[in-house]
Amino acid sequence: MPLRVELFHIGGRYAQLLAEHLSAMGGIPVVEHTLPATMPMIVDDPEEFLPEDIGGAEIVIAVNLHQDLLVDLPKLLGPQGARALIAPIESPEWIRPGLVHQVTAECGKAGMESAFPKPFCALDPKTPVLQQFCAEYGVGRPQLALEVRDGIVTGATVPRGSPCGLTHWVAERLAGQLADDRLEPKAAELLHLRPCFATMVLDPALGDTVMHESIRLMEAAARQALATAERG
């Protein structure tokens, strides 16, 4: 059985897509906890805002949580068997750099691995549990495999893709496209159509927007797939 996943979020379409795609890829349901979207600026007792039935999963995914709750999760879930925490950053407003260091330290104390991919599809695991999660769920930096006949894409598969399922969605729509330098911009165009949920807010650490980083990852996947395509 793959590593179990517990998803903490404040609602919305993005969290729904994560739960649906990861459940399908892992073959077991993701356990979801929807937390209040509006909370006090300072939360003295985070457990007051968390449901009682938390814990038991090896992978914890925290999406756009209040900073006090995010800091507290490793303390609460590490003793219950959590082995890694992933807090994706689809907007620089979700998690500030100082909070990344704070949560990383708390995870270390709890014996947990941690990752803060920006965006989630940039996840490039460097530690054993996160590597296992990415392998079992087929998630991480997008990777495409193309079949090409007579200069036309006849099929596309996804060895590894975005946790929200967007890479798969794009791949399904690449069949029939010309297998040339027009495929990269086409893949980027498709990324906007579902759409990608990364923000267009400028991220000082990237010097660009998180959305543009997502586009670059998709274009790179299309470019590499063209170079290694199975041609008939």
C-alpha atoms as a PDB file:
ATOM      1  CA  MET A   1       0.000   0.000   0.000  1.00  0.00           C
ATOM      2  CA  PRO A   2       1.351   3.472  -0.822  1.00  0.00           C
ATOM      3  CA  LEU A   3       2.097   6.075   1.799  1.00  0.00           C
ATOM      4  CA  ARG A   4      -1.104   7.520   3.206  1.00  0.00           C
ATOM      5  CA  VAL A   5      -1.819  11.202   2.644  1.00  0.00           C
ATOM      6  CA  GLU A   6      -3.577  13.665   4.932  1.00  0.00           C
ATOM      7  CA  LEU A   7      -4.547  16.998   3.351  1.00  0.00           C
ATOM      8  CA  PHE A   8      -5.199  20.134   5.415  1.00  0.00           C
ATOM      9  CA  HIS A   9      -6.737  23.073   3.545  1.00  0.00           C
ATOM     10  CA  ILE A  10      -9.245  25.920   3.737  1.00  0.00           C
ATOM     11  CA  GLY A  11     -11.446  24.797   0.861  1.00  0.00           C
ATOM     12  CA  GLY A  12     -11.564  25.793  -2.783  1.00  0.00           C
ATOM     13  CA  ARG A  13     -11.123  24.185  -6.179  1.00  0.00           C
ATOM     14  CA  TYR A  14      -7.353  23.756  -5.926  1.00  0.00           C
ATOM     15  CA  ALA A  15      -7.591  21.620  -2.782  1.00  0.00           C
ATOM     16  CA  GLN A  16     -10.388  19.611  -4.387  1.00  0.00           C
ATOM     17  CA  LEU A  17      -8.212  18.864  -7.414  1.00  0.00           C
ATOM     18  CA  LEU A  18      -5.328  17.778  -5.188  1.00  0.00           C
ATOM     19  CA  ALA A  19      -7.529  15.386  -3.251  1.00  0.00           C
ATOM     20  CA  GLU A  20      -9.112  13.922  -6.384  1.00  0.00           C
ATOM     21  CA  HIS A  21      -5.882  13.447  -8.325  1.00  0.00           C
ATOM     22  CA  LEU A  22      -3.796  12.068  -5.465  1.00  0.00           C
ATOM     23  CA  SER A  23      -6.583   9.668  -4.481  1.00  0.00           C
ATOM     24  CA  ALA A  24      -6.743   8.387  -8.057  1.00  0.00           C
ATOM     25  CA  MET A  25      -2.974   8.085  -8.444  1.00  0.00           C
ATOM     26  CA  GLY A  26      -2.411   6.393  -5.096  1.00  0.00           C
ATOM     27  CA  GLY A  27      -5.422   4.140  -5.265  1.00  0.00           C
ATOM     28  CA  ILE A  28      -6.448   5.053  -1.717  1.00  0.00           C
ATOM     29  CA  PRO A  29      -8.522   8.042  -0.554  1.00  0.00           C
ATOM     30  CA  VAL A  30      -6.731  11.136   0.647  1.00  0.00           C
ATOM     31  CA  VAL A  31      -7.988  12.090   4.109  1.00  0.00           C
ATOM     32  CA  GLU A  32      -9.114  15.721   4.014  1.00  0.00           C
ATOM     33  CA  HIS A  33      -9.517  18.268   6.782  1.00  0.00           C
ATOM     34  CA  THR A  34     -11.132  21.591   5.857  1.00  0.00           C
ATOM     35  CA  LEU A  35     -10.127  24.317   8.290  1.00  0.00           C
ATOM     36  CA  PRO A  36     -11.590  27.819   8.787  1.00  0.00           C
ATOM     37  CA  ALA A  37     -10.527  30.277   6.112  1.00  0.00           C
ATOM     38  CA  THR A  38     -10.869  33.206   8.551  1.00  0.00           C
ATOM     39  CA  MET A  39      -8.956  33.038  11.822  1.00  0.00           C
ATOM     40  CA  PRO A  40      -7.516  35.446  14.408  1.00  0.00           C
ATOM     41  CA  MET A  41      -4.212  37.073  13.490  1.00  0.00           C
ATOM     42  CA  ILE A  42      -2.545  35.215  16.360  1.00  0.00           C
ATOM     43  CA  VAL A  43      -3.695  31.731  17.341  1.00  0.00           C
ATOM     44  CA  ASP A  44      -2.538  30.836  20.848  1.00  0.00           C
ATOM     45  CA  ASP A  45      -3.953  27.303  20.794  1.00  0.00           C
ATOM     46  CA  PRO A  46      -3.973  25.890  17.226  1.00  0.00           C
ATOM     47  CA  GLU A  47      -5.564  22.650  18.399  1.00  0.00           C
ATOM     48  CA  GLU A  48      -8.820  24.542  18.958  1.00  0.00           C
ATOM     49  CA  PHE A  49      -9.127  24.939  15.187  1.00  0.00           C
ATOM     50  CA  LEU A  50      -8.115  21.399  14.260  1.00  0.00           C
ATOM     51  CA  PRO A  51     -10.513  18.442  14.182  1.00  0.00           C
ATOM     52  CA  GLU A  52      -9.976  15.662  16.698  1.00  0.00           C
ATOM     53  CA  ASP A  53      -9.564  12.919  14.099  1.00  0.00           C
ATOM     54  CA  ILE A  54      -6.216  14.008  12.699  1.00  0.00           C
ATOM     55  CA  GLY A  55      -3.111  11.889  12.305  1.00  0.00           C
ATOM     56  CA  GLY A  56      -2.265   8.431  11.065  1.00  0.00           C
ATOM     57  CA  ALA A  57      -0.953   9.360   7.617  1.00  0.00           C
ATOM     58  CA  GLU A  58       2.700   9.323   6.629  1.00  0.00           C
ATOM     59  CA  ILE A  59       2.457  12.342   4.295  1.00  0.00           C
ATOM     60  CA  VAL A  60       0.931  15.619   5.460  1.00  0.00           C
ATOM     61  CA  ILE A  61       0.059  18.247   2.852  1.00  0.00           C
ATOM     62  CA  ALA A  62      -0.793  21.705   4.168  1.00  0.00           C
ATOM     63  CA  VAL A  63      -2.353  24.153   1.721  1.00  0.00           C
ATOM     64  CA  ASN A  64      -2.461  27.865   2.581  1.00  0.00           C
ATOM     65  CA  LEU A  65      -2.873  27.407   6.332  1.00  0.00           C
ATOM     66  CA  HIS A  66      -2.621  30.008   9.072  1.00  0.00           C
ATOM     67  CA  GLN A  67       1.036  30.225  10.096  1.00  0.00           C
ATOM     68  CA  ASP A  68       0.386  29.185  13.707  1.00  0.00           C
ATOM     69  CA  LEU A  69      -1.415  26.032  12.568  1.00  0.00           C
ATOM     70  CA  LEU A  70       1.345  25.196  10.100  1.00  0.00           C
ATOM     71  CA  VAL A  71       4.020  25.504  12.783  1.00  0.00           C
ATOM     72  CA  ASP A  72       2.026  23.285  15.131  1.00  0.00           C
ATOM     73  CA  LEU A  73       1.297  20.424  12.704  1.00  0.00           C
ATOM     74  CA  PRO A  74       4.690  18.677  13.044  1.00  0.00           C
ATOM     75  CA  LYS A  75       4.418  18.765  16.838  1.00  0.00           C
ATOM     76  CA  LEU A  76       0.981  17.153  16.693  1.00  0.00           C
ATOM     77  CA  LEU A  77       1.392  14.721  13.809  1.00  0.00           C
ATOM     78  CA  GLY A  78       5.001  13.586  14.143  1.00  0.00           C
ATOM     79  CA  PRO A  79       4.213  11.476  17.227  1.00  0.00           C
ATOM     80  CA  GLN A  80       1.239   9.987  15.335  1.00  0.00           C
ATOM     81  CA  GLY A  81       3.361   8.575  12.520  1.00  0.00           C
ATOM     82  CA  ALA A  82       3.703  11.470  10.079  1.00  0.00           C
ATOM     83  CA  ARG A  83       7.008  11.180   8.234  1.00  0.00           C
ATOM     84  CA  ALA A  84       6.959  14.208   5.922  1.00  0.00           C
ATOM     85  CA  LEU A  85       5.193  17.536   5.531  1.00  0.00           C
ATOM     86  CA  ILE A  86       4.669  19.261   2.185  1.00  0.00           C
ATOM     87  CA  ALA A  87       3.493  22.873   2.173  1.00  0.00           C
ATOM     88  CA  PRO A  88       3.169  24.029  -1.450  1.00  0.00           C
ATOM     89  CA  ILE A  89       3.526  27.716  -2.265  1.00  0.00           C
ATOM     90  CA  GLU A  90       1.230  28.732  -5.108  1.00  0.00           C
ATOM     91  CA  SER A  91       1.468  32.348  -3.965  1.00  0.00           C
ATOM     92  CA  PRO A  92       4.265  34.136  -2.056  1.00  0.00           C
ATOM     93  CA  GLU A  93       1.585  35.258   0.397  1.00  0.00           C
ATOM     94  CA  TRP A  94       0.963  31.686   1.499  1.00  0.00           C
ATOM     95  CA  ILE A  95       4.275  31.098   3.270  1.00  0.00           C
ATOM     96  CA  ARG A  96       6.949  33.700   3.927  1.00  0.00           C
ATOM     97  CA  PRO A  97      10.653  32.674   3.952  1.00  0.00           C
ATOM     98  CA  GLY A  98      10.931  33.044   7.717  1.00  0.00           C
ATOM     99  CA  LEU A  99       8.018  30.664   8.210  1.00  0.00           C
ATOM    100  CA  VAL A 100       9.692  28.098   5.952  1.00  0.00           C
ATOM    101  CA  HIS A 101      12.713  28.049   8.281  1.00  0.00           C
ATOM    102  CA  GLN A 102      10.497  27.818  11.350  1.00  0.00           C
ATOM    103  CA  VAL A 103       8.417  24.913  10.053  1.00  0.00           C
ATOM    104  CA  THR A 104      11.507  23.118   8.741  1.00  0.00           C
ATOM    105  CA  ALA A 105      13.008  23.309  12.225  1.00  0.00           C
ATOM    106  CA  GLU A 106       9.826  21.951  13.836  1.00  0.00           C
ATOM    107  CA  CYS A 107       9.743  19.087  11.340  1.00  0.00           C
ATOM    108  CA  GLY A 108      13.341  18.283  12.172  1.00  0.00           C
ATOM    109  CA  LYS A 109      12.515  18.126  15.882  1.00  0.00           C
ATOM    110  CA  ALA A 110       9.613  15.769  15.092  1.00  0.00           C
ATOM    111  CA  GLY A 111      11.769  13.530  12.889  1.00  0.00           C
ATOM    112  CA  MET A 112       9.898  14.549   9.744  1.00  0.00           C
ATOM    113  CA  GLU A 113      11.099  15.504   6.296  1.00  0.00           C
ATOM    114  CA  SER A 114       9.733  18.720   4.806  1.00  0.00           C
ATOM    115  CA  ALA A 115       9.361  20.432   1.445  1.00  0.00           C
ATOM    116  CA  PHE A 116       7.993  23.794   0.318  1.00  0.00           C
ATOM    117  CA  PRO A 117       7.740  23.520  -3.481  1.00  0.00           C
ATOM    118  CA  LYS A 118       6.951  26.713  -5.380  1.00  0.00           C
ATOM    119  CA  PRO A 119       4.663  25.805  -7.136  1.00  0.00           C
ATOM    120  CA  PHE A 120       3.662  22.287  -6.041  1.00  0.00           C
ATOM    121  CA  CYS A 121       4.638  20.888  -9.449  1.00  0.00           C
ATOM    122  CA  ALA A 122       8.224  22.037  -8.773  1.00  0.00           C
ATOM    123  CA  LEU A 123       8.568  19.337  -6.094  1.00  0.00           C
ATOM    124  CA  ASP A 124      11.966  17.691  -6.548  1.00  0.00           C
ATOM    125  CA  PRO A 125      12.385  15.304  -3.596  1.00  0.00           C
ATOM    126  CA  LYS A 126      15.812  14.972  -2.023  1.00  0.00           C
ATOM    127  CA  THR A 127      14.936  12.848   0.999  1.00  0.00           C
ATOM    128  CA  PRO A 128      13.812   9.185   1.179  1.00  0.00           C
ATOM    129  CA  VAL A 129      10.178   9.509   2.287  1.00  0.00           C
ATOM    130  CA  LEU A 130       9.400  12.299  -0.172  1.00  0.00           C
ATOM    131  CA  GLN A 131      11.126  10.334  -2.940  1.00  0.00           C
ATOM    132  CA  GLN A 132       8.923   7.360  -2.100  1.00  0.00           C
ATOM    133  CA  PHE A 133       5.804   9.541  -2.122  1.00  0.00           C
ATOM    134  CA  CYS A 134       6.644  11.022  -5.538  1.00  0.00           C
ATOM    135  CA  ALA A 135       7.385   7.578  -6.977  1.00  0.00           C
ATOM    136  CA  GLU A 136       4.210   5.984  -5.632  1.00  0.00           C
ATOM    137  CA  TYR A 137       1.930   8.849  -6.666  1.00  0.00           C
ATOM    138  CA  GLY A 138       3.711   9.829  -9.885  1.00  0.00           C
ATOM    139  CA  VAL A 139       4.043  13.447  -8.853  1.00  0.00           C
ATOM    140  CA  GLY A 140       6.790  16.049  -9.054  1.00  0.00           C
ATOM    141  CA  ARG A 141       8.386  18.104 -11.819  1.00  0.00           C
ATOM    142  CA  PRO A 142       6.307  17.394 -14.949  1.00  0.00           C
ATOM    143  CA  GLN A 143       7.610  14.770 -17.318  1.00  0.00           C
ATOM    144  CA  LEU A 144       5.915  13.749 -20.572  1.00  0.00           C
ATOM    145  CA  ALA A 145       6.459  10.813 -22.897  1.00  0.00           C
ATOM    146  CA  LEU A 146       5.301  11.306 -26.487  1.00  0.00           C
ATOM    147  CA  GLU A 147       4.490   8.986 -29.357  1.00  0.00           C
ATOM    148  CA  VAL A 148       4.912  10.665 -32.736  1.00  0.00           C
ATOM    149  CA  ARG A 149       3.966   9.476 -36.220  1.00  0.00           C
ATOM    150  CA  ASP A 150       4.470  11.492 -39.389  1.00  0.00           C
ATOM    151  CA  GLY A 151       5.269  14.609 -37.401  1.00  0.00           C
ATOM    152  CA  ILE A 152       2.054  14.445 -35.357  1.00  0.00           C
ATOM    153  CA  VAL A 153       1.702  13.587 -31.667  1.00  0.00           C
ATOM    154  CA  THR A 154      -0.382  10.416 -31.491  1.00  0.00           C
ATOM    155  CA  GLY A 155      -0.208   9.904 -27.761  1.00  0.00           C
ATOM    156  CA  ALA A 156       1.199  11.354 -24.538  1.00  0.00           C
ATOM    157  CA  THR A 157       1.691   9.776 -21.146  1.00  0.00           C
ATOM    158  CA  VAL A 158       2.794  11.271 -17.833  1.00  0.00           C
ATOM    159  CA  PRO A 159       5.533   9.422 -15.940  1.00  0.00           C
ATOM    160  CA  ARG A 160       5.502  12.256 -13.429  1.00  0.00           C
ATOM    161  CA  GLY A 161       3.203  15.245 -13.150  1.00  0.00           C
ATOM    162  CA  SER A 162       1.618  18.001 -11.108  1.00  0.00           C
ATOM    163  CA  PRO A 163      -0.193  16.866  -7.930  1.00  0.00           C
ATOM    164  CA  CYS A 164      -3.326  18.736  -9.031  1.00  0.00           C
ATOM    165  CA  GLY A 165      -3.548  16.643 -12.216  1.00  0.00           C
ATOM    166  CA  LEU A 166      -2.895  19.480 -14.638  1.00  0.00           C
ATOM    167  CA  THR A 167      -0.013  17.708 -16.411  1.00  0.00           C
ATOM    168  CA  HIS A 168      -2.331  14.784 -17.187  1.00  0.00           C
ATOM    169  CA  TRP A 169      -5.013  17.192 -18.393  1.00  0.00           C
ATOM    170  CA  VAL A 170      -2.552  18.838 -20.782  1.00  0.00           C
ATOM    171  CA  ALA A 171      -1.180  15.495 -21.982  1.00  0.00           C
ATOM    172  CA  GLU A 172      -4.646  14.283 -22.937  1.00  0.00           C
ATOM    173  CA  ARG A 173      -4.958  17.277 -25.276  1.00  0.00           C
ATOM    174  CA  LEU A 174      -1.591  17.020 -27.002  1.00  0.00           C
ATOM    175  CA  ALA A 175      -2.682  14.230 -29.344  1.00  0.00           C
ATOM    176  CA  GLY A 176      -3.071  15.651 -32.836  1.00  0.00           C
ATOM    177  CA  GLN A 177      -0.645  18.513 -32.254  1.00  0.00           C
ATOM    178  CA  LEU A 178       2.366  19.084 -34.499  1.00  0.00           C
ATOM    179  CA  ALA A 179       5.515  17.573 -33.005  1.00  0.00           C
ATOM    180  CA  ASP A 180       7.749  20.594 -33.591  1.00  0.00           C
ATOM    181  CA  ASP A 181       8.751  23.814 -31.869  1.00  0.00           C
ATOM    182  CA  ARG A 182       5.085  24.809 -31.658  1.00  0.00           C
ATOM    183  CA  LEU A 183       4.426  22.128 -29.057  1.00  0.00           C
ATOM    184  CA  GLU A 184       6.027  24.052 -26.179  1.00  0.00           C
ATOM    185  CA  PRO A 185       3.807  27.139 -26.505  1.00  0.00           C
ATOM    186  CA  LYS A 186       0.813  24.860 -27.075  1.00  0.00           C
ATOM    187  CA  ALA A 187       1.507  23.055 -23.798  1.00  0.00           C
ATOM    188  CA  ALA A 188       1.785  26.430 -22.035  1.00  0.00           C
ATOM    189  CA  GLU A 189      -1.471  27.586 -23.618  1.00  0.00           C
ATOM    190  CA  LEU A 190      -3.264  24.459 -22.434  1.00  0.00           C
ATOM    191  CA  LEU A 191      -1.937  25.029 -18.923  1.00  0.00           C
ATOM    192  CA  HIS A 192      -3.997  28.236 -18.790  1.00  0.00           C
ATOM    193  CA  LEU A 193      -7.216  26.644 -19.965  1.00  0.00           C
ATOM    194  CA  ARG A 194      -8.096  24.454 -16.989  1.00  0.00           C
ATOM    195  CA  PRO A 195      -6.421  26.647 -15.441  1.00  0.00           C
ATOM    196  CA  CYS A 196      -3.241  26.514 -13.338  1.00  0.00           C
ATOM    197  CA  PHE A 197      -3.871  27.919  -9.856  1.00  0.00           C
ATOM    198  CA  ALA A 198      -0.428  29.447  -9.335  1.00  0.00           C
ATOM    199  CA  THR A 199      -0.604  33.191  -8.781  1.00  0.00           C
ATOM    200  CA  MET A 200       0.476  36.037 -11.042  1.00  0.00           C
ATOM    201  CA  VAL A 201       1.652  37.997  -7.989  1.00  0.00           C
ATOM    202  CA  LEU A 202       5.354  38.856  -8.194  1.00  0.00           C
ATOM    203  CA  ASP A 203       7.439  36.615  -5.961  1.00  0.00           C
ATOM    204  CA  PRO A 204      10.587  38.443  -4.772  1.00  0.00           C
ATOM    205  CA  ALA A 205      12.486  35.179  -4.243  1.00  0.00           C
ATOM    206  CA  LEU A 206      11.820  34.048  -7.821  1.00  0.00           C
ATOM    207  CA  GLY A 207      12.063  37.502  -9.350  1.00  0.00           C
ATOM    208  CA  ASP A 208       8.979  36.468 -11.297  1.00  0.00           C
ATOM    209  CA  THR A 209       5.507  35.075 -10.711  1.00  0.00           C
ATOM    210  CA  VAL A 210       4.787  31.545  -9.543  1.00  0.00           C
ATOM    211  CA  MET A 211       2.536  31.148 -12.593  1.00  0.00           C
ATOM    212  CA  HIS A 212       5.465  31.809 -14.915  1.00  0.00           C
ATOM    213  CA  GLU A 213       7.509  29.201 -13.045  1.00  0.00           C
ATOM    214  CA  SER A 214       4.700  26.698 -13.631  1.00  0.00           C
ATOM    215  CA  ILE A 215       4.705  27.557 -17.331  1.00  0.00           C
ATOM    216  CA  ARG A 216       8.475  27.071 -17.551  1.00  0.00           C
ATOM    217  CA  LEU A 217       8.159  23.630 -15.981  1.00  0.00           C
ATOM    218  CA  MET A 218       5.500  22.599 -18.498  1.00  0.00           C
ATOM    219  CA  GLU A 219       7.493  23.958 -21.433  1.00  0.00           C
ATOM    220  CA  ALA A 220      10.589  22.113 -20.247  1.00  0.00           C
ATOM    221  CA  ALA A 221       8.608  18.879 -20.043  1.00  0.00           C
ATOM    222  CA  ALA A 222       7.315  19.351 -23.598  1.00  0.00           C
ATOM    223  CA  ARG A 223      10.801  20.216 -24.893  1.00  0.00           C
ATOM    224  CA  GLN A 224      12.388  17.148 -23.304  1.00  0.00           C
ATOM    225  CA  ALA A 225       9.541  14.925 -24.480  1.00  0.00           C
ATOM    226  CA  LEU A 226      10.040  16.092 -28.090  1.00  0.00           C
ATOM    227  CA  ALA A 227      13.747  15.310 -27.867  1.00  0.00           C
ATOM    228  CA  THR A 228      13.121  11.770 -26.638  1.00  0.00           C
ATOM    229  CA  ALA A 229       9.841  10.993 -28.421  1.00  0.00           C
ATOM    230  CA  GLU A 230       9.122   7.528 -29.753  1.00  0.00           C
ATOM    231  CA  ARG A 231       8.769   8.161 -33.474  1.00  0.00           C
ATOM    232  CA  GLY A 232       7.150   5.878 -36.010  1.00  0.00           C
END
